[in-house]
Amino acid sequence: MTPSPASPGRPDAREHHTTSAGPADPADPADHSDPAAPAGPVTSADSLVLHATDNGVSWITLNRPAALNAVTWDQRERIIGLLADASADPEVRAVVITASGKGFCAGADLRGSPPAGDRVAGDVARLIRRGAQRFIAAVLDCEKPVLAAVNGTAAGIGAHLAFACDLVLAAESARFIEVFARRGLVPDGGGAYLLPRLVGPQRAKELMFFGDAVPAAEAERLGLVNRVVPDGELAATAREWAERLATGPTRALALTKQLVNASLDADRATAFAAEAAAQEINMTTADAQEGISAFATRRRPAYRGR
C-alpha cells in the first residue's frame, strides 16, 4: 500500500464555499443527516479522503460517514489531486471511488456558506466553475478508467460524481437523488450535461424536476449504473472489476474513454477523425504490439500499461 500524496493548496477563503445541493432531504425517512447540525471537529483532508494503491488500482474513499460523506471543498481538492496523480503515474492503471459508512455522498456540505448579501456579482458562477465543475471534470478527464462503487445514498453532486465515472457498481441499498429542485436550485456539477447523455432528455428532466429517490435496481434499468450487487459483495466486485481493468491495455483504455466521451459532442466526421488519430497513437504502444502478438500466437496477452 502506498501513502497518499499531500493535498493541493486550496483557494482563498471566499472561494472556499459552495452552492451545490447538500445532503438528502432530512424529511426523507431514509435520510439520517441533519444539515443544521454542527460540522464537528476539523480534520485533515487526508483522513476525510482515504487513499491507497494496491495491484495497480488507486482506491479513493470518502470518509465522513457521520455526514453521509457530504463533501467539503478540501475533500474535493484532494480527490482532484489524486485523480491527476493517477493519470500521471504509470503504476496506477485503474481508479475506484467509494465511501465508508452507509452513504456514498449526500451532496456538498453547505455549512459555512456566506449570506447572499456578501456575494459579489459573478461569485456564484466562479465558485461553481472552480468547485463542482472542476470536481466532475477531474473524473471525466482522468486518463485511467474510473469505477464508482456506490455503497449508499448518492445525492446532488454525489450522484453526479458516480455518473461521471466510466463504470458504476451499486449496492442494492444504494439510491440516487437529484436533490437540487428540492432546494430551489439549478443542478450543478455537470448534472444537466451527464444525465441526458445517460438516460435521454425527457427522463433526465423527470429526475431533475421531481428529485425523487431512484433505487439501485431502477437506476440499473434506466442505464445509470452498470451492475447492482448485494451490499456485502460490493467491495469484492469492485476489486474484481478494477483489477481486471488494471491488467488491461492502459493507454488503449484511456484513448477509448476519450473517444467515447468526445463522441457525445462531436459530429460524425470529427468523431471518425479522432478515432483514426487514436488508432495511430495507440499502435505506438507496447501493449498494442503485445495484443497483436498474443492473438497471432494464440496466447493470453500480458499487458504492462506501456
Foldseek 3Di string as FASTA:
>chain_A
DDAADDFDDDDDPLLQAADFDFADDCVPVVDDADLVDDPDDDDALCQQWPWDADLQEIETEGEPQNRLSAAGQSVLRRVLVVLVVLLVDLSHAEYEYAYDHAHGHRYHRRPPNDPPVPDDPPSRVVSLVVGLQSSLVSQLQRLHQYEYLTLAEQEQSRLSNRLSGPAYEYEQRHKYWDCQVVVVHDGGSCLCPRVCVQQNDVVSCVRNNVRDIGGPVNCCVRRSHVYYDHSVCRVVVVVVVRSVSSQAQRNLVSLVSVLVVVVVVDDPVVSVVSVVVSVVVSVVDPQVVQVVVCVVVVHDGGHSND
